[in-house]
Protein backbone atom coordinates (compact mmCIF):
# COMPACT_ATOMS: atom_id res chain seq x y z
CA MET A 1 6.95 14.88 46.96
CA ALA A 2 8.87 13.46 44.00
CA GLN A 3 8.95 15.43 40.76
CA ASP A 4 6.87 14.02 37.90
CA LEU A 5 9.43 13.24 35.20
CA THR A 6 6.85 12.30 32.55
CA LEU A 7 7.76 13.49 29.07
CA SER A 8 4.82 11.89 27.29
CA ARG A 9 1.91 9.48 27.63
CA SER A 10 0.29 8.29 24.46
CA ILE A 11 -2.47 5.71 24.08
CA VAL A 12 -3.87 4.85 20.67
CA THR A 13 -6.24 1.98 19.89
CA ALA A 14 -7.21 0.16 16.71
CA ILE A 15 -9.44 -2.76 15.81
CA ILE A 16 -8.07 -6.23 15.06
CA ASN A 17 -10.53 -8.24 12.97
CA ALA A 18 -9.58 -11.60 14.42
CA PRO A 19 -10.73 -13.68 17.39
CA ILE A 20 -8.78 -12.96 20.59
CA GLU A 21 -7.86 -16.66 20.77
CA LYS A 22 -5.78 -16.27 17.60
CA VAL A 23 -4.06 -13.04 18.65
CA ASP A 24 -0.55 -13.48 20.05
CA ILE A 25 1.14 -10.12 20.51
CA ALA A 26 4.26 -11.64 22.09
CA ASP A 27 4.74 -14.02 19.17
CA TRP A 28 4.16 -11.18 16.70
CA LEU A 29 6.54 -8.77 18.45
CA PHE A 30 9.40 -11.23 18.88
CA ASN A 31 9.08 -12.60 15.33
CA LEU A 32 8.39 -9.30 13.54
CA PRO A 33 10.52 -9.08 10.40
CA ASP A 34 12.54 -5.89 10.07
CA ALA A 35 10.85 -4.98 6.77
CA GLU A 36 7.37 -5.39 8.33
CA TYR A 37 8.41 -3.11 11.22
CA GLN A 38 9.58 -0.52 8.70
CA ARG A 39 6.27 -0.70 6.82
CA CYS A 40 4.34 0.14 10.01
CA SER A 41 5.69 3.72 10.17
CA THR A 42 7.61 6.10 7.94
CA LYS A 43 9.72 6.81 11.05
CA HIS A 44 10.76 3.19 11.66
CA ILE A 45 14.36 2.45 10.68
CA ALA A 46 15.14 -1.04 12.00
CA ALA A 47 14.01 -3.70 14.46
CA GLY A 48 15.41 -6.93 15.78
CA THR A 49 15.32 -9.21 18.79
CA THR A 50 17.95 -10.46 21.19
CA THR A 51 18.23 -11.20 24.90
CA THR A 52 19.71 -9.51 27.93
CA ASP A 53 22.80 -11.06 29.50
CA SER A 54 20.45 -12.83 31.92
CA GLY A 55 18.38 -14.28 29.06
CA LYS A 56 15.30 -12.01 29.14
CA PRO A 57 13.74 -11.38 25.70
CA MET A 58 14.58 -7.99 24.21
CA SER A 59 13.25 -6.07 21.22
CA ILE A 60 15.61 -3.50 19.69
CA ASN A 61 13.85 -0.70 17.80
CA VAL A 62 15.46 2.16 15.90
CA GLU A 63 13.14 5.00 14.91
CA THR A 64 12.75 8.75 14.93
CA ILE A 65 10.39 10.42 17.37
CA GLY A 66 10.14 14.09 16.44
CA ASP A 67 13.69 15.31 15.90
CA ALA A 68 15.28 12.53 17.98
CA LEU A 69 16.85 9.33 16.69
CA MET A 70 15.79 6.72 19.24
CA ILE A 71 17.57 3.43 19.86
CA GLN A 72 15.32 1.44 22.17
CA HIS A 73 16.36 -1.64 24.13
CA TYR A 74 12.96 -2.99 25.21
CA VAL A 75 13.18 -5.76 27.81
CA ALA A 76 10.04 -7.85 28.26
CA GLU A 77 8.57 -7.55 31.76
CA ILE A 78 5.33 -9.22 30.65
CA LYS A 79 5.31 -11.39 27.51
CA GLU A 80 1.90 -13.00 26.98
CA PRO A 81 -0.42 -13.47 24.00
CA THR A 82 -2.67 -10.51 24.87
CA ILE A 83 -0.21 -8.24 26.67
CA CYS A 84 3.44 -7.30 26.42
CA ARG A 85 4.98 -4.77 28.77
CA MET A 86 8.34 -3.65 27.50
CA VAL A 87 10.77 -1.36 29.37
CA SER A 88 13.75 0.49 27.91
CA THR A 89 16.36 3.00 28.88
CA SER A 90 16.54 4.37 25.35
CA ASP A 91 19.24 6.35 23.63
CA SER A 92 17.99 9.68 22.28
CA ILE A 93 20.21 11.41 19.75
CA THR A 94 19.40 14.96 18.60
CA ALA A 95 21.31 17.85 17.04
CA ASN A 96 22.19 18.87 20.64
CA GLY A 97 23.78 15.50 21.45
CA HIS A 98 23.03 12.20 23.15
CA THR A 99 21.00 11.43 26.28
CA LYS A 100 18.80 8.70 27.78
CA VAL A 101 15.01 8.42 28.12
CA HIS A 102 13.10 5.82 30.15
CA VAL A 103 10.27 4.31 28.07
CA VAL A 104 7.53 1.84 29.00
CA TRP A 105 5.74 0.36 25.98
CA GLU A 106 2.61 -1.69 26.58
CA LEU A 107 0.90 -3.55 23.74
CA SER A 108 -2.38 -5.26 24.57
CA ALA A 109 -5.54 -6.70 23.07
CA LYS A 110 -8.96 -7.21 24.60
CA LYS A 111 -11.93 -9.08 23.22
CA ILE A 112 -14.81 -7.07 21.78
CA ASP A 113 -16.77 -10.02 20.38
CA ASP A 114 -16.07 -13.47 18.89
CA GLU A 115 -14.42 -12.03 15.76
CA THR A 116 -12.96 -8.71 16.91
CA CYS A 117 -10.64 -7.25 19.51
CA GLU A 118 -9.25 -3.87 20.41
CA TYR A 119 -5.51 -3.34 20.22
CA SER A 120 -3.98 -0.70 22.53
CA ASN A 121 -0.53 0.81 22.04
CA ARG A 122 0.54 2.65 25.21
CA ILE A 123 3.81 4.55 25.45
CA HIS A 124 5.05 6.38 28.55
CA ALA A 125 8.36 8.24 28.35
CA SER A 126 10.11 9.74 31.39
CA ALA A 127 13.21 11.82 31.84
CA THR A 128 16.25 10.12 33.33
CA ASP A 129 18.72 11.98 35.58
CA GLU A 130 21.02 12.14 32.55
CA MET A 131 18.28 13.79 30.50
CA LEU A 132 17.53 16.32 33.25
CA GLU A 133 21.19 17.38 33.18
CA PHE A 134 21.15 17.41 29.36
CA ILE A 135 18.13 19.70 29.03
CA LYS A 136 19.40 22.00 31.79
CA LYS A 137 22.75 22.30 29.97
CA HIS A 138 20.87 23.31 26.81
CA GLY A 139 18.57 25.82 28.53
CA ILE A 140 15.44 23.71 28.07
CA THR A 141 12.91 23.23 30.85
CA LEU A 142 11.34 19.86 31.59
CA GLU A 143 7.99 21.37 30.60
CA GLN A 144 9.37 22.43 27.18
CA ALA A 145 10.95 19.02 26.63
CA ALA A 146 7.69 17.32 27.66
CA ALA A 147 5.55 19.45 25.34
CA SER A 148 7.80 18.65 22.40
CA ARG A 149 7.96 14.93 23.21
CA GLN A 150 4.19 14.67 23.79
CA ALA A 151 3.37 16.10 20.36
CA ALA A 152 5.96 13.89 18.65
CA SER A 153 4.93 10.75 20.54
CA ASP A 154 1.23 11.24 19.79
CA ALA A 155 1.91 11.77 16.06
CA HIS A 156 4.14 8.70 15.92
CA ASN A 157 1.72 6.49 17.85
CA LYS A 158 -1.22 7.55 15.66
CA GLU A 159 0.70 6.46 12.57
CA GLU A 160 2.07 3.13 13.81
CA THR A 161 -0.85 1.77 15.86
CA PRO A 162 -3.32 1.00 13.03
CA ASN A 163 -0.47 -0.54 11.04
CA PHE A 164 0.64 -2.67 14.00
CA ALA A 165 -2.99 -3.81 14.43
CA ARG A 166 -3.22 -4.84 10.76
CA SER A 167 0.10 -6.69 11.02
CA ILE A 168 -1.03 -8.54 14.18
CA GLU A 169 -4.35 -9.30 12.44
CA ARG A 170 -2.60 -10.80 9.38
CA ARG A 171 -0.45 -13.01 11.62
CA ALA A 172 -3.50 -14.11 13.66
CA LEU A 173 -5.54 -14.97 10.55
CA SER A 174 -2.65 -16.90 8.99
CA LYS A 175 -2.80 -19.41 11.86
CA SER A 176 -4.94 -22.47 11.21
């Protein structure tokens, strides 16, 4: 049986006070100004968009999660108005050095009623082979690394999710 390499799973929801028909998470994410991204969390440093060499849309996010500086290269696997599934092999830089973390970020909205929807911000981080070697070298168990990452990821997600929802809401309501 394969080892579970999960470091953290965090799901936080918030209400968007806009009709689902006006919500476009993909448009919001890939047109999010850097300053707006920074306003959504005290831990957000920078954001931008680009593409992979093959032309797939990519969101680059720089932020701190706990004591780690994270540089995330999120490639869009699903890019639709009510769901974006983004996947990154992210750089994690700590006082102990540099390693890689696999992160799946899923942003979605579902209709509650004609004027309201629920936004979900799901983040799943897993250890890469490189990270397993890194934590072993530093005398840290996967369980210790996971406990630390889970607490940091939950705290971060609880701060950014309501702010992301408000930002998506403002964009949705600005559409005629």
